[in-house]
Amino acid sequence: MAGNSVKPEGLSQQTPVVTLDGFIPDIAGYTVVLMDVEWFEFEVLKGAKNLVGQPEKHAWVIEIFVSGIARDGSTFVNQSYADTFRVMFDAGYKVWHIGDKLTAIDSDELLATYKTNPSACPNGNFLFLDPHSQPPNV
């Protein structure tokens, strides 16, 4: 395995934690936030209430997966998948799945699908924009 996916036995490290609201100052211009935090999307967004609450000033690209594989090889469901999207929907963002093409995501449809069949939900990178913005043509 590569990267930080395997922790040697007995090794631990304390890491200071800072919220995004505490890390990113109130910027006058437009900000694009790229986020890939391996299953901690919802927790990060809870510490970014100021940023999330200003969709007219911030665009987001967030990697979100509905399920993953644990270190022991078992499959798990991301219990915060729907909550992560709900934070952004509630703040007024429009959402697109970034794949071969951008696909608009309907909030009600996504949340209903998660309740009934999580494995049918889209995975990967998502673009979150102000409701008055349109994504670029790709």
N, C-alpha and C. Protein backbone atom coordinates (compact mmCIF):
# COMPACT_ATOMS: atom_id res chain seq x y z
N MET A 1 0.83 -1.18 0.00
CA MET A 1 0.00 0.00 0.00
C MET A 1 0.88 1.24 0.00
N ALA A 2 0.37 2.29 -0.60
CA ALA A 2 1.16 3.51 -0.71
C ALA A 2 0.61 4.60 0.20
N GLY A 3 1.37 5.64 0.31
CA GLY A 3 0.94 6.82 1.05
C GLY A 3 0.80 6.55 2.53
N ASN A 4 -0.18 7.18 3.16
CA ASN A 4 -0.39 7.06 4.59
C ASN A 4 -1.45 6.03 4.94
N SER A 5 -1.65 5.05 4.08
CA SER A 5 -2.73 4.10 4.31
C SER A 5 -2.38 3.03 5.36
N VAL A 6 -1.11 2.87 5.69
CA VAL A 6 -0.72 1.87 6.68
C VAL A 6 0.09 2.55 7.77
N LYS A 7 -0.35 2.39 9.02
CA LYS A 7 0.35 2.96 10.15
C LYS A 7 1.14 1.84 10.83
N PRO A 8 2.46 2.02 10.96
CA PRO A 8 3.25 0.99 11.65
C PRO A 8 2.74 0.80 13.08
N GLU A 9 2.77 -0.44 13.54
CA GLU A 9 2.31 -0.78 14.88
C GLU A 9 3.05 0.06 15.92
N GLY A 10 2.31 0.64 16.84
CA GLY A 10 2.89 1.40 17.93
C GLY A 10 3.28 2.83 17.59
N LEU A 11 3.10 3.25 16.37
CA LEU A 11 3.46 4.60 15.97
C LEU A 11 2.25 5.51 16.06
N SER A 12 2.41 6.63 16.71
CA SER A 12 1.31 7.60 16.75
C SER A 12 1.89 9.00 16.62
N GLN A 13 1.06 9.89 16.22
CA GLN A 13 1.49 11.27 16.02
C GLN A 13 0.32 12.19 16.32
N GLN A 14 0.57 13.23 17.07
CA GLN A 14 -0.46 14.22 17.32
C GLN A 14 -0.32 15.31 16.27
N THR A 15 -1.45 15.68 15.70
CA THR A 15 -1.47 16.69 14.64
C THR A 15 -2.44 17.79 15.04
N PRO A 16 -1.99 19.03 15.02
CA PRO A 16 -2.92 20.12 15.34
C PRO A 16 -4.01 20.22 14.27
N VAL A 17 -5.19 20.58 14.69
CA VAL A 17 -6.33 20.69 13.78
C VAL A 17 -6.81 22.14 13.78
N VAL A 18 -7.05 22.65 12.58
CA VAL A 18 -7.55 24.00 12.41
C VAL A 18 -8.76 23.93 11.49
N THR A 19 -9.82 24.66 11.81
CA THR A 19 -10.98 24.67 10.93
C THR A 19 -10.66 25.47 9.68
N LEU A 20 -11.40 25.21 8.60
CA LEU A 20 -11.21 26.01 7.39
C LEU A 20 -11.56 27.47 7.64
N ASP A 21 -12.61 27.73 8.43
CA ASP A 21 -12.96 29.11 8.74
C ASP A 21 -11.82 29.81 9.48
N GLY A 22 -11.08 29.07 10.29
CA GLY A 22 -9.94 29.65 11.00
C GLY A 22 -8.69 29.77 10.15
N PHE A 23 -8.62 28.97 9.09
CA PHE A 23 -7.43 28.92 8.24
C PHE A 23 -7.51 29.87 7.05
N ILE A 24 -8.70 29.96 6.45
CA ILE A 24 -8.88 30.81 5.27
C ILE A 24 -9.54 32.11 5.72
N PRO A 25 -8.84 33.23 5.56
CA PRO A 25 -9.41 34.51 5.98
C PRO A 25 -10.58 34.91 5.09
N ASP A 26 -11.33 35.90 5.55
CA ASP A 26 -12.42 36.43 4.75
C ASP A 26 -11.81 37.17 3.57
N ILE A 27 -11.90 36.56 2.40
CA ILE A 27 -11.26 37.09 1.20
C ILE A 27 -12.27 37.91 0.42
N ALA A 28 -11.83 39.04 -0.09
CA ALA A 28 -12.73 39.91 -0.85
C ALA A 28 -13.13 39.30 -2.18
N GLY A 29 -12.25 38.53 -2.81
CA GLY A 29 -12.52 37.97 -4.12
C GLY A 29 -13.18 36.62 -4.06
N TYR A 30 -13.14 35.92 -5.18
CA TYR A 30 -13.75 34.60 -5.33
C TYR A 30 -12.74 33.52 -4.98
N THR A 31 -13.16 32.50 -4.27
CA THR A 31 -12.27 31.43 -3.83
C THR A 31 -12.76 30.09 -4.37
N VAL A 32 -11.84 29.26 -4.82
CA VAL A 32 -12.15 27.88 -5.19
C VAL A 32 -11.46 26.99 -4.17
N VAL A 33 -12.25 26.16 -3.50
CA VAL A 33 -11.72 25.26 -2.48
C VAL A 33 -11.71 23.85 -3.07
N LEU A 34 -10.53 23.24 -3.10
CA LEU A 34 -10.39 21.86 -3.56
C LEU A 34 -10.21 21.00 -2.31
N MET A 35 -11.04 19.96 -2.17
CA MET A 35 -11.01 19.18 -0.93
C MET A 35 -11.00 17.69 -1.23
N ASP A 36 -9.98 17.02 -0.72
CA ASP A 36 -9.84 15.56 -0.80
C ASP A 36 -9.33 15.12 0.56
N VAL A 37 -10.25 14.76 1.45
CA VAL A 37 -9.88 14.51 2.85
C VAL A 37 -10.25 13.10 3.32
N GLU A 38 -10.42 12.18 2.38
CA GLU A 38 -10.59 10.75 2.70
C GLU A 38 -11.58 10.49 3.84
N TRP A 39 -12.86 10.64 3.55
CA TRP A 39 -13.98 10.28 4.43
C TRP A 39 -14.27 11.32 5.52
N PHE A 40 -13.57 12.44 5.55
CA PHE A 40 -13.80 13.45 6.57
C PHE A 40 -14.44 14.71 6.00
N GLU A 41 -15.09 14.60 4.84
CA GLU A 41 -15.69 15.76 4.18
C GLU A 41 -16.69 16.48 5.08
N PHE A 42 -17.58 15.72 5.70
CA PHE A 42 -18.61 16.32 6.55
C PHE A 42 -17.98 17.05 7.73
N GLU A 43 -17.00 16.44 8.35
CA GLU A 43 -16.34 17.07 9.49
C GLU A 43 -15.64 18.37 9.08
N VAL A 44 -14.99 18.37 7.92
CA VAL A 44 -14.34 19.59 7.43
C VAL A 44 -15.38 20.68 7.18
N LEU A 45 -16.49 20.32 6.55
CA LEU A 45 -17.52 21.31 6.26
C LEU A 45 -18.15 21.88 7.53
N LYS A 46 -18.22 21.08 8.60
CA LYS A 46 -18.73 21.60 9.87
C LYS A 46 -17.83 22.72 10.40
N GLY A 47 -16.55 22.68 10.06
CA GLY A 47 -15.62 23.73 10.47
C GLY A 47 -15.44 24.80 9.41
N ALA A 48 -16.35 24.84 8.45
CA ALA A 48 -16.27 25.82 7.37
C ALA A 48 -17.63 26.50 7.17
N LYS A 49 -18.36 26.69 8.26
CA LYS A 49 -19.71 27.26 8.15
C LYS A 49 -19.71 28.64 7.50
N ASN A 50 -18.73 29.46 7.81
CA ASN A 50 -18.65 30.79 7.21
C ASN A 50 -18.41 30.70 5.70
N LEU A 51 -17.46 29.87 5.32
CA LEU A 51 -17.17 29.70 3.89
C LEU A 51 -18.34 29.08 3.13
N VAL A 52 -18.89 28.02 3.69
CA VAL A 52 -20.00 27.33 3.04
C VAL A 52 -21.21 28.26 2.93
N GLY A 53 -21.39 29.12 3.91
CA GLY A 53 -22.53 30.02 3.93
C GLY A 53 -22.47 31.18 2.95
N GLN A 54 -21.43 31.23 2.14
CA GLN A 54 -21.28 32.30 1.17
C GLN A 54 -21.08 31.73 -0.24
N PRO A 55 -22.09 31.05 -0.78
CA PRO A 55 -21.92 30.41 -2.09
C PRO A 55 -21.59 31.39 -3.22
N GLU A 56 -21.96 32.63 -3.05
CA GLU A 56 -21.64 33.62 -4.09
C GLU A 56 -20.16 33.96 -4.13
N LYS A 57 -19.42 33.58 -3.08
CA LYS A 57 -17.99 33.90 -3.00
C LYS A 57 -17.08 32.67 -3.13
N HIS A 58 -17.66 31.47 -3.04
CA HIS A 58 -16.82 30.27 -2.98
C HIS A 58 -17.37 29.15 -3.85
N ALA A 59 -16.51 28.57 -4.64
CA ALA A 59 -16.83 27.34 -5.38
C ALA A 59 -16.04 26.22 -4.72
N TRP A 60 -16.55 25.02 -4.79
CA TRP A 60 -15.91 23.87 -4.15
C TRP A 60 -15.80 22.73 -5.15
N VAL A 61 -14.69 22.02 -5.10
CA VAL A 61 -14.55 20.72 -5.75
C VAL A 61 -14.20 19.76 -4.62
N ILE A 62 -15.10 18.82 -4.38
CA ILE A 62 -14.93 17.90 -3.25
C ILE A 62 -15.01 16.46 -3.75
N GLU A 63 -14.04 15.66 -3.34
CA GLU A 63 -14.07 14.23 -3.65
C GLU A 63 -14.91 13.54 -2.57
N ILE A 64 -15.97 12.84 -3.00
CA ILE A 64 -16.87 12.17 -2.06
C ILE A 64 -17.20 10.78 -2.61
N PHE A 65 -17.01 9.78 -1.77
CA PHE A 65 -17.35 8.41 -2.13
C PHE A 65 -18.38 7.87 -1.15
N VAL A 66 -19.32 7.09 -1.66
CA VAL A 66 -20.37 6.52 -0.83
C VAL A 66 -19.89 5.30 -0.05
N SER A 67 -18.85 4.63 -0.53
CA SER A 67 -18.32 3.47 0.18
C SER A 67 -16.83 3.35 -0.07
N GLY A 68 -16.20 2.53 0.73
CA GLY A 68 -14.76 2.34 0.59
C GLY A 68 -14.34 1.00 1.13
N ILE A 69 -13.05 0.76 1.11
CA ILE A 69 -12.49 -0.50 1.61
C ILE A 69 -11.61 -0.19 2.81
N ALA A 70 -11.91 -0.83 3.93
CA ALA A 70 -11.16 -0.64 5.16
C ALA A 70 -9.82 -1.36 5.09
N ARG A 71 -8.96 -1.08 6.05
CA ARG A 71 -7.63 -1.70 6.08
C ARG A 71 -7.71 -3.22 6.13
N ASP A 72 -8.76 -3.76 6.75
CA ASP A 72 -8.89 -5.21 6.84
C ASP A 72 -9.51 -5.83 5.59
N GLY A 73 -9.79 -4.99 4.57
CA GLY A 73 -10.34 -5.48 3.32
C GLY A 73 -11.86 -5.48 3.24
N SER A 74 -12.51 -5.18 4.35
CA SER A 74 -13.98 -5.14 4.34
C SER A 74 -14.47 -3.84 3.71
N THR A 75 -15.69 -3.89 3.20
CA THR A 75 -16.30 -2.72 2.58
C THR A 75 -17.12 -1.98 3.63
N PHE A 76 -17.09 -0.65 3.59
CA PHE A 76 -17.90 0.14 4.51
C PHE A 76 -18.63 1.22 3.73
N VAL A 77 -19.75 1.68 4.30
CA VAL A 77 -20.54 2.76 3.70
C VAL A 77 -20.18 4.05 4.41
N ASN A 78 -19.98 5.10 3.65
CA ASN A 78 -19.69 6.42 4.20
C ASN A 78 -20.98 6.95 4.84
N GLN A 79 -21.06 6.88 6.16
CA GLN A 79 -22.27 7.28 6.88
C GLN A 79 -22.55 8.77 6.77
N SER A 80 -21.56 9.56 6.37
CA SER A 80 -21.73 11.02 6.25
C SER A 80 -21.96 11.47 4.80
N TYR A 81 -22.08 10.53 3.88
CA TYR A 81 -22.26 10.87 2.46
C TYR A 81 -23.42 11.85 2.27
N ALA A 82 -24.61 11.46 2.73
CA ALA A 82 -25.79 12.31 2.54
C ALA A 82 -25.65 13.61 3.31
N ASP A 83 -25.12 13.56 4.53
CA ASP A 83 -24.95 14.78 5.33
C ASP A 83 -24.02 15.77 4.65
N THR A 84 -22.99 15.26 4.00
CA THR A 84 -22.04 16.13 3.30
C THR A 84 -22.77 16.91 2.20
N PHE A 85 -23.54 16.23 1.40
CA PHE A 85 -24.31 16.89 0.35
C PHE A 85 -25.37 17.82 0.94
N ARG A 86 -26.02 17.37 2.01
CA ARG A 86 -27.08 18.17 2.62
C ARG A 86 -26.55 19.53 3.09
N VAL A 87 -25.35 19.56 3.65
CA VAL A 87 -24.74 20.84 4.07
C VAL A 87 -24.67 21.80 2.89
N MET A 88 -24.22 21.29 1.76
CA MET A 88 -24.05 22.15 0.59
C MET A 88 -25.39 22.52 -0.06
N PHE A 89 -26.31 21.56 -0.14
CA PHE A 89 -27.64 21.86 -0.67
C PHE A 89 -28.34 22.91 0.20
N ASP A 90 -28.26 22.74 1.53
CA ASP A 90 -28.92 23.67 2.45
C ASP A 90 -28.34 25.08 2.35
N ALA A 91 -27.07 25.18 1.98
CA ALA A 91 -26.43 26.49 1.82
C ALA A 91 -26.77 27.12 0.48
N GLY A 92 -27.45 26.37 -0.39
CA GLY A 92 -27.90 26.91 -1.66
C GLY A 92 -27.06 26.56 -2.87
N TYR A 93 -26.07 25.69 -2.70
CA TYR A 93 -25.21 25.33 -3.83
C TYR A 93 -25.95 24.43 -4.82
N LYS A 94 -25.61 24.58 -6.10
CA LYS A 94 -25.98 23.62 -7.14
C LYS A 94 -24.78 22.68 -7.28
N VAL A 95 -25.06 21.44 -7.66
CA VAL A 95 -24.01 20.43 -7.65
C VAL A 95 -23.96 19.69 -8.98
N TRP A 96 -22.73 19.42 -9.43
CA TRP A 96 -22.48 18.61 -10.62
C TRP A 96 -21.46 17.54 -10.28
N HIS A 97 -21.71 16.34 -10.80
CA HIS A 97 -20.72 15.27 -10.70
C HIS A 97 -19.73 15.47 -11.84
N ILE A 98 -18.44 15.39 -11.53
CA ILE A 98 -17.40 15.56 -12.54
C ILE A 98 -16.98 14.18 -13.03
N GLY A 99 -17.35 13.86 -14.24
CA GLY A 99 -16.97 12.59 -14.86
C GLY A 99 -16.48 12.87 -16.26
N ASP A 100 -16.83 12.02 -17.20
CA ASP A 100 -16.51 12.29 -18.60
C ASP A 100 -17.16 13.60 -19.04
N LYS A 101 -18.28 13.92 -18.40
CA LYS A 101 -18.96 15.20 -18.62
C LYS A 101 -19.52 15.63 -17.26
N LEU A 102 -19.89 16.89 -17.15
CA LEU A 102 -20.52 17.36 -15.92
C LEU A 102 -21.99 16.93 -15.93
N THR A 103 -22.43 16.32 -14.83
CA THR A 103 -23.81 15.88 -14.71
C THR A 103 -24.44 16.57 -13.51
N ALA A 104 -25.51 17.32 -13.74
CA ALA A 104 -26.20 17.99 -12.64
C ALA A 104 -26.76 16.96 -11.67
N ILE A 105 -26.67 17.28 -10.39
CA ILE A 105 -27.17 16.39 -9.34
C ILE A 105 -28.40 17.04 -8.71
N ASP A 106 -29.51 16.32 -8.72
CA ASP A 106 -30.74 16.78 -8.08
C ASP A 106 -30.69 16.37 -6.60
N SER A 107 -30.89 17.32 -5.70
CA SER A 107 -30.75 17.04 -4.28
C SER A 107 -31.74 15.98 -3.78
N ASP A 108 -33.01 16.13 -4.13
CA ASP A 108 -34.01 15.17 -3.66
C ASP A 108 -33.73 13.77 -4.18
N GLU A 109 -33.36 13.68 -5.44
CA GLU A 109 -33.07 12.37 -6.05
C GLU A 109 -31.85 11.71 -5.40
N LEU A 110 -30.80 12.48 -5.19
CA LEU A 110 -29.59 11.92 -4.57
C LEU A 110 -29.88 11.41 -3.17
N LEU A 111 -30.55 12.21 -2.36
CA LEU A 111 -30.82 11.81 -0.97
C LEU A 111 -31.77 10.62 -0.91
N ALA A 112 -32.74 10.55 -1.81
CA ALA A 112 -33.65 9.40 -1.85
C ALA A 112 -32.90 8.14 -2.27
N THR A 113 -32.02 8.27 -3.24
CA THR A 113 -31.24 7.12 -3.71
C THR A 113 -30.33 6.62 -2.59
N TYR A 114 -29.73 7.52 -1.84
CA TYR A 114 -28.86 7.12 -0.74
C TYR A 114 -29.64 6.30 0.30
N LYS A 115 -30.88 6.69 0.56
CA LYS A 115 -31.70 5.96 1.55
C LYS A 115 -32.05 4.56 1.07
N THR A 116 -32.34 4.40 -0.21
CA THR A 116 -32.83 3.12 -0.71
C THR A 116 -31.76 2.23 -1.31
N ASN A 117 -30.73 2.84 -1.93
CA ASN A 117 -29.71 2.04 -2.62
C ASN A 117 -28.41 2.84 -2.70
N PRO A 118 -27.67 2.94 -1.58
CA PRO A 118 -26.46 3.76 -1.56
C PRO A 118 -25.46 3.43 -2.67
N SER A 119 -25.37 2.18 -3.05
CA SER A 119 -24.38 1.79 -4.07
C SER A 119 -24.69 2.40 -5.43
N ALA A 120 -25.92 2.90 -5.63
CA ALA A 120 -26.29 3.53 -6.90
C ALA A 120 -25.94 5.03 -6.93
N CYS A 121 -25.43 5.55 -5.83
CA CYS A 121 -25.09 6.98 -5.77
C CYS A 121 -23.78 7.24 -6.50
N PRO A 122 -23.65 8.43 -7.09
CA PRO A 122 -22.40 8.76 -7.78
C PRO A 122 -21.24 8.93 -6.80
N ASN A 123 -20.05 8.62 -7.27
CA ASN A 123 -18.82 8.73 -6.50
C ASN A 123 -17.82 9.59 -7.25
N GLY A 124 -16.87 10.15 -6.53
CA GLY A 124 -15.78 10.87 -7.18
C GLY A 124 -15.79 12.34 -6.84
N ASN A 125 -15.47 13.16 -7.83
CA ASN A 125 -15.37 14.60 -7.61
C ASN A 125 -16.67 15.29 -7.99
N PHE A 126 -17.03 16.29 -7.17
CA PHE A 126 -18.26 17.04 -7.36
C PHE A 126 -17.93 18.53 -7.34
N LEU A 127 -18.60 19.27 -8.21
CA LEU A 127 -18.45 20.72 -8.30
C LEU A 127 -19.67 21.36 -7.64
N PHE A 128 -19.42 22.25 -6.68
CA PHE A 128 -20.47 22.96 -5.96
C PHE A 128 -20.35 24.44 -6.29
N LEU A 129 -21.42 25.01 -6.88
CA LEU A 129 -21.41 26.41 -7.30
C LEU A 129 -22.62 27.15 -6.77
N ASP A 130 -22.46 28.45 -6.70
CA ASP A 130 -23.54 29.38 -6.39
C ASP A 130 -24.73 29.08 -7.31
N PRO A 131 -25.95 29.17 -6.80
CA PRO A 131 -27.11 28.82 -7.62
C PRO A 131 -27.30 29.68 -8.87
N HIS A 132 -26.64 30.82 -8.94
CA HIS A 132 -26.77 31.69 -10.11
C HIS A 132 -25.63 31.48 -11.12
N SER A 133 -24.71 30.58 -10.80
CA SER A 133 -23.57 30.32 -11.68
C SER A 133 -23.83 29.10 -12.54
N GLN A 134 -23.12 29.03 -13.63
CA GLN A 134 -23.16 27.85 -14.49
C GLN A 134 -21.75 27.29 -14.57
N PRO A 135 -21.61 25.97 -14.61
CA PRO A 135 -20.27 25.41 -14.73
C PRO A 135 -19.70 25.70 -16.12
N PRO A 136 -18.39 25.64 -16.21
CA PRO A 136 -17.79 25.85 -17.54
C PRO A 136 -18.16 24.71 -18.47
N ASN A 137 -18.17 24.98 -19.75
CA ASN A 137 -18.40 23.92 -20.74
C ASN A 137 -17.12 23.11 -20.86
N VAL A 138 -17.26 21.83 -20.63
CA VAL A 138 -16.10 20.93 -20.75
C VAL A 138 -16.40 19.80 -21.69
